[in-house]
Full PDB file with SEQRES, HELIX, SHEET, SSBOND, CRYST1, ORIGX, SCALE, CONECT and MASTER records, all heavy atoms in Angstrom:
SEQRES   1 A   38  ASP THR GLY ARG TRP LEU LEU VAL ALA LEU THR ALA ALA          
SEQRES   2 A   38  ILE CYS ALA GLY LEU THR LEU TRP LEU ALA ARG GLN HIS          
SEQRES   3 A   38  HIS MET LEU GLY ALA MET ALA LEU GLY ALA ILE VAL              
HELIX    1 AA1 THR A    2  ALA A   23  1                                  22    
HELIX    2 AA2 MET A   28  ILE A   37  1                                  10    
CRYST1    1.000    1.000    1.000  90.00  90.00  90.00 P 1           1          
ORIGX1      1.000000  0.000000  0.000000        0.00000                         
ORIGX2      0.000000  1.000000  0.000000        0.00000                         
ORIGX3      0.000000  0.000000  1.000000        0.00000                         
SCALE1      1.000000  0.000000  0.000000        0.00000                         
SCALE2      0.000000  1.000000  0.000000        0.00000                         
SCALE3      0.000000  0.000000  1.000000        0.00000                         
ATOM      1  N   ASP A   1      52.466  31.787  71.959  1.00  0.00           N  
ATOM      2  CA  ASP A   1      53.900  31.585  72.147  1.00  0.00           C  
ATOM      3  C   ASP A   1      54.711  32.724  71.540  1.00  0.00           C  
ATOM      4  O   ASP A   1      55.731  33.133  72.089  1.00  0.00           O  
ATOM      5  CB  ASP A   1      54.346  30.250  71.537  1.00  0.00           C  
ATOM      6  CG  ASP A   1      54.307  29.117  72.540  1.00  0.00           C  
ATOM      7  OD1 ASP A   1      54.100  29.389  73.742  1.00  0.00           O  
ATOM      8  OD2 ASP A   1      54.497  27.962  72.133  1.00  0.00           O  
ATOM      9  N   THR A   2      54.242  33.254  70.425  1.00  0.00           N  
ATOM     10  CA  THR A   2      54.936  34.376  69.799  1.00  0.00           C  
ATOM     11  C   THR A   2      54.951  35.576  70.742  1.00  0.00           C  
ATOM     12  O   THR A   2      55.995  36.201  70.954  1.00  0.00           O  
ATOM     13  CB  THR A   2      54.262  34.759  68.461  1.00  0.00           C  
ATOM     14  OG1 THR A   2      54.270  33.625  67.607  1.00  0.00           O  
ATOM     15  CG2 THR A   2      54.976  35.924  67.799  1.00  0.00           C  
ATOM     16  N   GLY A   3      53.804  35.895  71.317  1.00  0.00           N  
ATOM     17  CA  GLY A   3      53.720  37.003  72.265  1.00  0.00           C  
ATOM     18  C   GLY A   3      54.590  36.775  73.489  1.00  0.00           C  
ATOM     19  O   GLY A   3      55.259  37.684  73.972  1.00  0.00           O  
ATOM     20  N   ARG A   4      54.559  35.556  73.975  1.00  0.00           N  
ATOM     21  CA  ARG A   4      55.385  35.195  75.137  1.00  0.00           C  
ATOM     22  C   ARG A   4      56.859  35.448  74.854  1.00  0.00           C  
ATOM     23  O   ARG A   4      57.560  36.080  75.636  1.00  0.00           O  
ATOM     24  CB  ARG A   4      55.157  33.727  75.485  1.00  0.00           C  
ATOM     25  CG  ARG A   4      56.168  33.161  76.442  1.00  0.00           C  
ATOM     26  CD  ARG A   4      56.020  31.655  76.495  1.00  0.00           C  
ATOM     27  NE  ARG A   4      57.013  31.030  77.322  1.00  0.00           N  
ATOM     28  CZ  ARG A   4      57.195  29.739  77.387  1.00  0.00           C  
ATOM     29  NH1 ARG A   4      56.438  28.921  76.688  1.00  0.00           N  
ATOM     30  NH2 ARG A   4      58.118  29.224  78.156  1.00  0.00           N  
ATOM     31  N   TRP A   5      57.357  34.938  73.723  1.00  0.00           N  
ATOM     32  CA  TRP A   5      58.778  35.066  73.417  1.00  0.00           C  
ATOM     33  C   TRP A   5      59.152  36.491  73.038  1.00  0.00           C  
ATOM     34  O   TRP A   5      60.290  36.920  73.265  1.00  0.00           O  
ATOM     35  CB  TRP A   5      59.207  34.043  72.371  1.00  0.00           C  
ATOM     36  CG  TRP A   5      59.156  32.666  72.970  1.00  0.00           C  
ATOM     37  CD1 TRP A   5      58.281  31.667  72.664  1.00  0.00           C  
ATOM     38  CD2 TRP A   5      59.983  32.157  74.030  1.00  0.00           C  
ATOM     39  NE1 TRP A   5      58.508  30.570  73.462  1.00  0.00           N  
ATOM     40  CE2 TRP A   5      59.558  30.835  74.313  1.00  0.00           C  
ATOM     41  CE3 TRP A   5      61.035  32.677  74.781  1.00  0.00           C  
ATOM     42  CZ2 TRP A   5      60.137  30.039  75.305  1.00  0.00           C  
ATOM     43  CZ3 TRP A   5      61.628  31.890  75.766  1.00  0.00           C  
ATOM     44  CH2 TRP A   5      61.173  30.588  76.009  1.00  0.00           C  
ATOM     45  N   LEU A   6      58.217  37.254  72.501  1.00  0.00           N  
ATOM     46  CA  LEU A   6      58.476  38.682  72.278  1.00  0.00           C  
ATOM     47  C   LEU A   6      58.658  39.401  73.612  1.00  0.00           C  
ATOM     48  O   LEU A   6      59.552  40.243  73.751  1.00  0.00           O  
ATOM     49  CB  LEU A   6      57.345  39.323  71.472  1.00  0.00           C  
ATOM     50  CG  LEU A   6      57.336  39.027  69.976  1.00  0.00           C  
ATOM     51  CD1 LEU A   6      56.066  39.580  69.322  1.00  0.00           C  
ATOM     52  CD2 LEU A   6      58.580  39.606  69.303  1.00  0.00           C  
ATOM     53  N   LEU A   7      57.819  39.067  74.608  1.00  0.00           N  
ATOM     54  CA  LEU A   7      57.979  39.665  75.941  1.00  0.00           C  
ATOM     55  C   LEU A   7      59.282  39.212  76.594  1.00  0.00           C  
ATOM     56  O   LEU A   7      59.948  39.996  77.273  1.00  0.00           O  
ATOM     57  CB  LEU A   7      56.781  39.329  76.833  1.00  0.00           C  
ATOM     58  CG  LEU A   7      55.515  40.133  76.589  1.00  0.00           C  
ATOM     59  CD1 LEU A   7      54.389  39.657  77.517  1.00  0.00           C  
ATOM     60  CD2 LEU A   7      55.757  41.616  76.777  1.00  0.00           C  
ATOM     61  N   VAL A   8      59.666  37.955  76.388  1.00  0.00           N  
ATOM     62  CA  VAL A   8      60.944  37.463  76.918  1.00  0.00           C  
ATOM     63  C   VAL A   8      62.091  38.261  76.302  1.00  0.00           C  
ATOM     64  O   VAL A   8      63.000  38.730  76.998  1.00  0.00           O  
ATOM     65  CB  VAL A   8      61.121  35.944  76.655  1.00  0.00           C  
ATOM     66  CG1 VAL A   8      62.551  35.506  76.900  1.00  0.00           C  
ATOM     67  CG2 VAL A   8      60.163  35.140  77.535  1.00  0.00           C  
ATOM     68  N   ALA A   9      62.057  38.429  74.972  1.00  0.00           N  
ATOM     69  CA  ALA A   9      63.127  39.167  74.282  1.00  0.00           C  
ATOM     70  C   ALA A   9      63.162  40.626  74.723  1.00  0.00           C  
ATOM     71  O   ALA A   9      64.246  41.181  74.980  1.00  0.00           O  
ATOM     72  CB  ALA A   9      62.934  39.073  72.769  1.00  0.00           C  
ATOM     73  N   LEU A  10      62.003  41.246  74.831  1.00  0.00           N  
ATOM     74  CA  LEU A  10      61.935  42.646  75.272  1.00  0.00           C  
ATOM     75  C   LEU A  10      62.476  42.790  76.688  1.00  0.00           C  
ATOM     76  O   LEU A  10      63.275  43.689  76.968  1.00  0.00           O  
ATOM     77  CB  LEU A  10      60.495  43.158  75.190  1.00  0.00           C  
ATOM     78  CG  LEU A  10      60.265  44.577  75.685  1.00  0.00           C  
ATOM     79  CD1 LEU A  10      61.014  45.581  74.818  1.00  0.00           C  
ATOM     80  CD2 LEU A  10      58.771  44.890  75.704  1.00  0.00           C  
ATOM     81  N   THR A  11      62.061  41.908  77.584  1.00  0.00           N  
ATOM     82  CA  THR A  11      62.534  41.956  78.964  1.00  0.00           C  
ATOM     83  C   THR A  11      64.035  41.721  79.048  1.00  0.00           C  
ATOM     84  O   THR A  11      64.738  42.397  79.795  1.00  0.00           O  
ATOM     85  CB  THR A  11      61.780  40.927  79.837  1.00  0.00           C  
ATOM     86  OG1 THR A  11      60.376  41.154  79.714  1.00  0.00           O  
ATOM     87  CG2 THR A  11      62.178  41.039  81.291  1.00  0.00           C  
ATOM     88  N   ALA A  12      64.539  40.779  78.271  1.00  0.00           N  
ATOM     89  CA  ALA A  12      65.978  40.502  78.266  1.00  0.00           C  
ATOM     90  C   ALA A  12      66.758  41.715  77.761  1.00  0.00           C  
ATOM     91  O   ALA A  12      67.808  42.067  78.324  1.00  0.00           O  
ATOM     92  CB  ALA A  12      66.281  39.275  77.411  1.00  0.00           C  
ATOM     93  N   ALA A  13      66.261  42.372  76.721  1.00  0.00           N  
ATOM     94  CA  ALA A  13      66.931  43.563  76.196  1.00  0.00           C  
ATOM     95  C   ALA A  13      66.927  44.695  77.224  1.00  0.00           C  
ATOM     96  O   ALA A  13      67.941  45.381  77.407  1.00  0.00           O  
ATOM     97  CB  ALA A  13      66.262  44.007  74.899  1.00  0.00           C  
ATOM     98  N   ILE A  14      65.801  44.877  77.892  1.00  0.00           N  
ATOM     99  CA  ILE A  14      65.713  45.906  78.929  1.00  0.00           C  
ATOM    100  C   ILE A  14      66.667  45.578  80.075  1.00  0.00           C  
ATOM    101  O   ILE A  14      67.370  46.458  80.579  1.00  0.00           O  
ATOM    102  CB  ILE A  14      64.259  46.069  79.415  1.00  0.00           C  
ATOM    103  CG1 ILE A  14      63.406  46.695  78.313  1.00  0.00           C  
ATOM    104  CG2 ILE A  14      64.189  46.887  80.694  1.00  0.00           C  
ATOM    105  CD1 ILE A  14      61.915  46.669  78.571  1.00  0.00           C  
ATOM    106  N   CYS A  15      66.704  44.315  80.491  1.00  0.00           N  
ATOM    107  CA  CYS A  15      67.636  43.895  81.557  1.00  0.00           C  
ATOM    108  C   CYS A  15      69.080  44.181  81.164  1.00  0.00           C  
ATOM    109  O   CYS A  15      69.868  44.671  81.977  1.00  0.00           O  
ATOM    110  CB  CYS A  15      67.487  42.410  81.863  1.00  0.00           C  
ATOM    111  SG  CYS A  15      66.179  42.003  82.995  1.00  0.00           S  
ATOM    112  N   ALA A  16      69.430  43.878  79.927  1.00  0.00           N  
ATOM    113  CA  ALA A  16      70.796  44.104  79.457  1.00  0.00           C  
ATOM    114  C   ALA A  16      71.138  45.595  79.481  1.00  0.00           C  
ATOM    115  O   ALA A  16      72.204  45.997  79.960  1.00  0.00           O  
ATOM    116  CB  ALA A  16      70.975  43.532  78.057  1.00  0.00           C  
ATOM    117  N   GLY A  17      70.236  46.413  78.969  1.00  0.00           N  
ATOM    118  CA  GLY A  17      70.464  47.860  78.974  1.00  0.00           C  
ATOM    119  C   GLY A  17      70.576  48.429  80.376  1.00  0.00           C  
ATOM    120  O   GLY A  17      71.469  49.240  80.659  1.00  0.00           O  
ATOM    121  N   LEU A  18      69.683  48.006  81.264  1.00  0.00           N  
ATOM    122  CA  LEU A  18      69.731  48.487  82.652  1.00  0.00           C  
ATOM    123  C   LEU A  18      70.987  48.003  83.369  1.00  0.00           C  
ATOM    124  O   LEU A  18      71.543  48.712  84.211  1.00  0.00           O  
ATOM    125  CB  LEU A  18      68.474  48.051  83.409  1.00  0.00           C  
ATOM    126  CG  LEU A  18      67.173  48.723  82.981  1.00  0.00           C  
ATOM    127  CD1 LEU A  18      65.987  48.106  83.719  1.00  0.00           C  
ATOM    128  CD2 LEU A  18      67.224  50.228  83.217  1.00  0.00           C  
ATOM    129  N   THR A  19      71.444  46.799  83.041  1.00  0.00           N  
ATOM    130  CA  THR A  19      72.671  46.272  83.652  1.00  0.00           C  
ATOM    131  C   THR A  19      73.879  47.104  83.219  1.00  0.00           C  
ATOM    132  O   THR A  19      74.763  47.393  84.040  1.00  0.00           O  
ATOM    133  CB  THR A  19      72.859  44.788  83.302  1.00  0.00           C  
ATOM    134  OG1 THR A  19      71.730  44.060  83.801  1.00  0.00           O  
ATOM    135  CG2 THR A  19      74.131  44.221  83.918  1.00  0.00           C  
ATOM    136  N   LEU A  20      73.925  47.504  81.953  1.00  0.00           N  
ATOM    137  CA  LEU A  20      75.008  48.372  81.491  1.00  0.00           C  
ATOM    138  C   LEU A  20      74.972  49.715  82.209  1.00  0.00           C  
ATOM    139  O   LEU A  20      76.008  50.250  82.620  1.00  0.00           O  
ATOM    140  CB  LEU A  20      74.926  48.576  79.976  1.00  0.00           C  
ATOM    141  CG  LEU A  20      75.261  47.364  79.125  1.00  0.00           C  
ATOM    142  CD1 LEU A  20      74.992  47.652  77.657  1.00  0.00           C  
ATOM    143  CD2 LEU A  20      76.711  46.943  79.338  1.00  0.00           C  
ATOM    144  N   TRP A  21      73.788  50.268  82.361  1.00  0.00           N  
ATOM    145  CA  TRP A  21      73.622  51.530  83.076  1.00  0.00           C  
ATOM    146  C   TRP A  21      74.059  51.355  84.532  1.00  0.00           C  
ATOM    147  O   TRP A  21      74.773  52.182  85.088  1.00  0.00           O  
ATOM    148  CB  TRP A  21      72.173  51.972  82.968  1.00  0.00           C  
ATOM    149  CG  TRP A  21      71.824  53.301  83.541  1.00  0.00           C  
ATOM    150  CD1 TRP A  21      72.672  54.305  83.933  1.00  0.00           C  
ATOM    151  CD2 TRP A  21      70.507  53.797  83.784  1.00  0.00           C  
ATOM    152  NE1 TRP A  21      71.954  55.377  84.396  1.00  0.00           N  
ATOM    153  CE2 TRP A  21      70.625  55.094  84.307  1.00  0.00           C  
ATOM    154  CE3 TRP A  21      69.239  53.259  83.594  1.00  0.00           C  
ATOM    155  CZ2 TRP A  21      69.518  55.866  84.663  1.00  0.00           C  
ATOM    156  CZ3 TRP A  21      68.148  54.027  83.942  1.00  0.00           C  
ATOM    157  CH2 TRP A  21      68.279  55.317  84.467  1.00  0.00           C  
ATOM    158  N   LEU A  22      73.634  50.264  85.141  1.00  0.00           N  
ATOM    159  CA  LEU A  22      73.994  49.956  86.522  1.00  0.00           C  
ATOM    160  C   LEU A  22      75.505  49.852  86.701  1.00  0.00           C  
ATOM    161  O   LEU A  22      76.070  50.381  87.662  1.00  0.00           O  
ATOM    162  CB  LEU A  22      73.317  48.650  86.952  1.00  0.00           C  
ATOM    163  CG  LEU A  22      73.775  47.979  88.243  1.00  0.00           C  
ATOM    164  CD1 LEU A  22      73.603  48.902  89.425  1.00  0.00           C  
ATOM    165  CD2 LEU A  22      73.004  46.692  88.448  1.00  0.00           C  
ATOM    166  N   ALA A  23      76.177  49.200  85.788  1.00  0.00           N  
ATOM    167  CA  ALA A  23      77.627  48.991  85.899  1.00  0.00           C  
ATOM    168  C   ALA A  23      78.404  50.307  85.909  1.00  0.00           C  
ATOM    169  O   ALA A  23      79.519  50.363  86.424  1.00  0.00           O  
ATOM    170  CB  ALA A  23      78.109  48.103  84.751  1.00  0.00           C  
ATOM    171  N   ARG A  24      77.793  51.360  85.395  1.00  0.00           N  
ATOM    172  CA  ARG A  24      78.478  52.656  85.309  1.00  0.00           C  
ATOM    173  C   ARG A  24      78.014  53.650  86.374  1.00  0.00           C  
ATOM    174  O   ARG A  24      78.360  54.833  86.299  1.00  0.00           O  
ATOM    175  CB  ARG A  24      78.263  53.237  83.922  1.00  0.00           C  
ATOM    176  CG  ARG A  24      78.926  52.402  82.847  1.00  0.00           C  
ATOM    177  CD  ARG A  24      78.746  53.011  81.475  1.00  0.00           C  
ATOM    178  NE  ARG A  24      79.505  52.251  80.494  1.00  0.00           N  
ATOM    179  CZ  ARG A  24      78.976  51.449  79.598  1.00  0.00           C  
ATOM    180  NH1 ARG A  24      77.672  51.294  79.546  1.00  0.00           N  
ATOM    181  NH2 ARG A  24      79.725  50.801  78.743  1.00  0.00           N  
ATOM    182  N   GLN A  25      77.239  53.202  87.324  1.00  0.00           N  
ATOM    183  CA  GLN A  25      76.712  54.102  88.355  1.00  0.00           C  
ATOM    184  C   GLN A  25      77.812  54.623  89.260  1.00  0.00           C  
ATOM    185  O   GLN A  25      78.674  53.874  89.706  1.00  0.00           O  
ATOM    186  CB  GLN A  25      75.648  53.393  89.197  1.00  0.00           C  
ATOM    187  CG  GLN A  25      74.302  53.354  88.561  1.00  0.00           C  
ATOM    188  CD  GLN A  25      73.743  54.725  88.319  1.00  0.00           C  
ATOM    189  OE1 GLN A  25      73.546  55.520  89.236  1.00  0.00           O  
ATOM    190  NE2 GLN A  25      73.487  55.030  87.057  1.00  0.00           N  
ATOM    191  N   HIS A  26      77.725  55.905  89.571  1.00  0.00           N  
ATOM    192  CA  HIS A  26      78.699  56.546  90.456  1.00  0.00           C  
ATOM    193  C   HIS A  26      78.040  57.037  91.746  1.00  0.00           C  
ATOM    194  O   HIS A  26      78.651  57.806  92.493  1.00  0.00           O  
ATOM    195  CB  HIS A  26      79.378  57.707  89.736  1.00  0.00           C  
ATOM    196  CG  HIS A  26      80.179  57.260  88.563  1.00  0.00           C  
ATOM    197  ND1 HIS A  26      81.360  56.574  88.693  1.00  0.00           N  
ATOM    198  CD2 HIS A  26      79.943  57.359  87.235  1.00  0.00           C  
ATOM    199  CE1 HIS A  26      81.839  56.294  87.501  1.00  0.00           C  
ATOM    200  NE2 HIS A  26      80.993  56.739  86.601  1.00  0.00           N  
ATOM    201  N   HIS A  27      76.800  56.599  91.989  1.00  0.00           N  
ATOM    202  CA  HIS A  27      76.074  56.991  93.192  1.00  0.00           C  
ATOM    203  C   HIS A  27      75.347  55.776  93.748  1.00  0.00           C  
ATOM    204  O   HIS A  27      74.752  55.012  92.993  1.00  0.00           O  
ATOM    205  CB  HIS A  27      75.080  58.109  92.879  1.00  0.00           C  
ATOM    206  CG  HIS A  27      75.753  59.309  92.293  1.00  0.00           C  
ATOM    207  ND1 HIS A  27      76.451  60.215  93.046  1.00  0.00           N  
ATOM    208  CD2 HIS A  27      75.875  59.713  91.007  1.00  0.00           C  
ATOM    209  CE1 HIS A  27      76.966  61.137  92.257  1.00  0.00           C  
ATOM    210  NE2 HIS A  27      76.631  60.849  91.016  1.00  0.00           N  
ATOM    211  N   MET A  28      75.417  55.636  95.042  1.00  0.00           N  
ATOM    212  CA  MET A  28      74.848  54.455  95.694  1.00  0.00           C  
ATOM    213  C   MET A  28      73.348  54.332  95.454  1.00  0.00           C  
ATOM    214  O   MET A  28      72.864  53.253  95.141  1.00  0.00           O  
ATOM    215  CB  MET A  28      75.137  54.485  97.201  1.00  0.00           C  
ATOM    216  CG  MET A  28      74.633  53.253  97.919  1.00  0.00           C  
ATOM    217  SD  MET A  28      75.391  51.724  97.345  1.00  0.00           S  
ATOM    218  CE  MET A  28      76.810  51.679  98.414  1.00  0.00           C  
ATOM    219  N   LEU A  29      72.607  55.421  95.578  1.00  0.00           N  
ATOM    220  CA  LEU A  29      71.153  55.333  95.423  1.00  0.00           C  
ATOM    221  C   LEU A  29      70.774  54.874  94.015  1.00  0.00           C  
ATOM    222  O   LEU A  29      69.921  54.001  93.846  1.00  0.00           O  
ATOM    223  CB  LEU A  29      70.484  56.671  95.743  1.00  0.00           C  
ATOM    224  CG  LEU A  29      68.954  56.664  95.711  1.00  0.00           C  
ATOM    225  CD1 LEU A  29      68.386  55.647  96.697  1.00  0.00           C  
ATOM    226  CD2 LEU A  29      68.415  58.057  96.010  1.00  0.00           C  
ATOM    227  N   GLY A  30      71.424  55.421  93.006  1.00  0.00           N  
ATOM    228  CA  GLY A  30      71.148  55.000  91.630  1.00  0.00           C  
ATOM    229  C   GLY A  30      71.489  53.540  91.410  1.00  0.00           C  
ATOM    230  O   GLY A  30      70.755  52.813  90.745  1.00  0.00           O  
ATOM    231  N   ALA A  31      72.605  53.103  91.987  1.00  0.00           N  
ATOM    232  CA  ALA A  31      73.010  51.702  91.838  1.00  0.00           C  
ATOM    233  C   ALA A  31      72.022  50.765  92.527  1.00  0.00           C  
ATOM    234  O   ALA A  31      71.675  49.711  91.988  1.00  0.00           O  
ATOM    235  CB  ALA A  31      74.417  51.501  92.397  1.00  0.00           C  
ATOM    236  N   MET A  32      71.564  51.139  93.718  1.00  0.00           N  
ATOM    237  CA  MET A  32      70.604  50.295  94.433  1.00  0.00           C  
ATOM    238  C   MET A  32      69.264  50.272  93.696  1.00  0.00           C  
ATOM    239  O   MET A  32      68.619  49.226  93.594  1.00  0.00           O  
ATOM    240  CB  MET A  32      70.404  50.779  95.879  1.00  0.00           C  
ATOM    241  CG  MET A  32      71.642  50.669  96.743  1.00  0.00           C  
ATOM    242  SD  MET A  32      72.209  48.960  96.967  1.00  0.00           S  
ATOM    243  CE  MET A  32      73.582  48.889  95.833  1.00  0.00           C  
ATOM    244  N   ALA A  33      68.846  51.416  93.173  1.00  0.00           N  
ATOM    245  CA  ALA A  33      67.591  51.484  92.420  1.00  0.00           C  
ATOM    246  C   ALA A  33      67.653  50.576  91.197  1.00  0.00           C  
ATOM    247  O   ALA A  33      66.753  49.756  90.967  1.00  0.00           O  
ATOM    248  CB  ALA A  33      67.310  52.930  92.002  1.00  0.00           C  
ATOM    249  N   LEU A  34      68.714  50.706  90.420  1.00  0.00           N  
ATOM    250  CA  LEU A  34      68.845  49.881  89.226  1.00  0.00           C  
ATOM    251  C   LEU A  34      69.045  48.406  89.574  1.00  0.00           C  
ATOM    252  O   LEU A  34      68.531  47.527  88.881  1.00  0.00           O  
ATOM    253  CB  LEU A  34      70.003  50.392  88.360  1.00  0.00           C  
ATOM    254  CG  LEU A  34      69.716  51.717  87.659  1.00  0.00           C  
ATOM    255  CD1 LEU A  34      70.995  52.319  87.092  1.00  0.00           C  
ATOM    256  CD2 LEU A  34      68.669  51.543  86.571  1.00  0.00           C  
ATOM    257  N   GLY A  35      69.757  48.130  90.658  1.00  0.00           N  
ATOM    258  CA  GLY A  35      69.924  46.747  91.106  1.00  0.00           C  
ATOM    259  C   GLY A  35      68.588  46.108  91.449  1.00  0.00           C  
ATOM    260  O   GLY A  35      68.333  44.945  91.104  1.00  0.00           O  
ATOM    261  N   ALA A  36      67.715  46.868  92.118  1.00  0.00           N  
ATOM    262  CA  ALA A  36      66.390  46.352  92.471  1.00  0.00           C  
ATOM    263  C   ALA A  36      65.566  46.071  91.207  1.00  0.00           C  
ATOM    264  O   ALA A  36      64.897  45.041  91.108  1.00  0.00           O  
ATOM    265  CB  ALA A  36      65.662  47.339  93.378  1.00  0.00           C  
ATOM    266  N   ILE A  37      65.639  46.983  90.235  1.00  0.00           N  
ATOM    267  CA  ILE A  37      64.882  46.796  89.002  1.00  0.00           C  
ATOM    268  C   ILE A  37      65.414  45.600  88.208  1.00  0.00           C  
ATOM    269  O   ILE A  37      64.640  44.747  87.753  1.00  0.00           O  
ATOM    270  CB  ILE A  37      64.914  48.079  88.139  1.00  0.00           C  
ATOM    271  CG1 ILE A  37      64.191  49.217  88.870  1.00  0.00           C  
ATOM    272  CG2 ILE A  37      64.288  47.833  86.768  1.00  0.00           C  
ATOM    273  CD1 ILE A  37      64.408  50.593  88.248  1.00  0.00           C  
ATOM    274  N   VAL A  38      66.725  45.526  88.062  1.00  0.00           N  
ATOM    275  CA  VAL A  38      67.324  44.429  87.289  1.00  0.00           C  
ATOM    276  C   VAL A  38      67.049  43.082  87.963  1.00  0.00           C  
ATOM    277  O   VAL A  38      66.692  42.103  87.294  1.00  0.00           O  
ATOM    278  CB  VAL A  38      68.840  44.660  87.093  1.00  0.00           C  
ATOM    279  CG1 VAL A  38      69.536  43.416  86.562  1.00  0.00           C  
ATOM    280  CG2 VAL A  38      69.083  45.838  86.160  1.00  0.00           C  
TER     281      VAL A  38                                                      
MASTER        0    0    0    2    0    0    0    6  280    1    0    3          
END                                                                             
């Protein structure tokens, strides 16, 4: 369970960071790429 929740926390942090990056995109391809990943 510890490993599971560490992966949940890591994934959530990565999602949050990528979402911030996505929100500031000024190019369609970058926005679509980050949208697909998020």
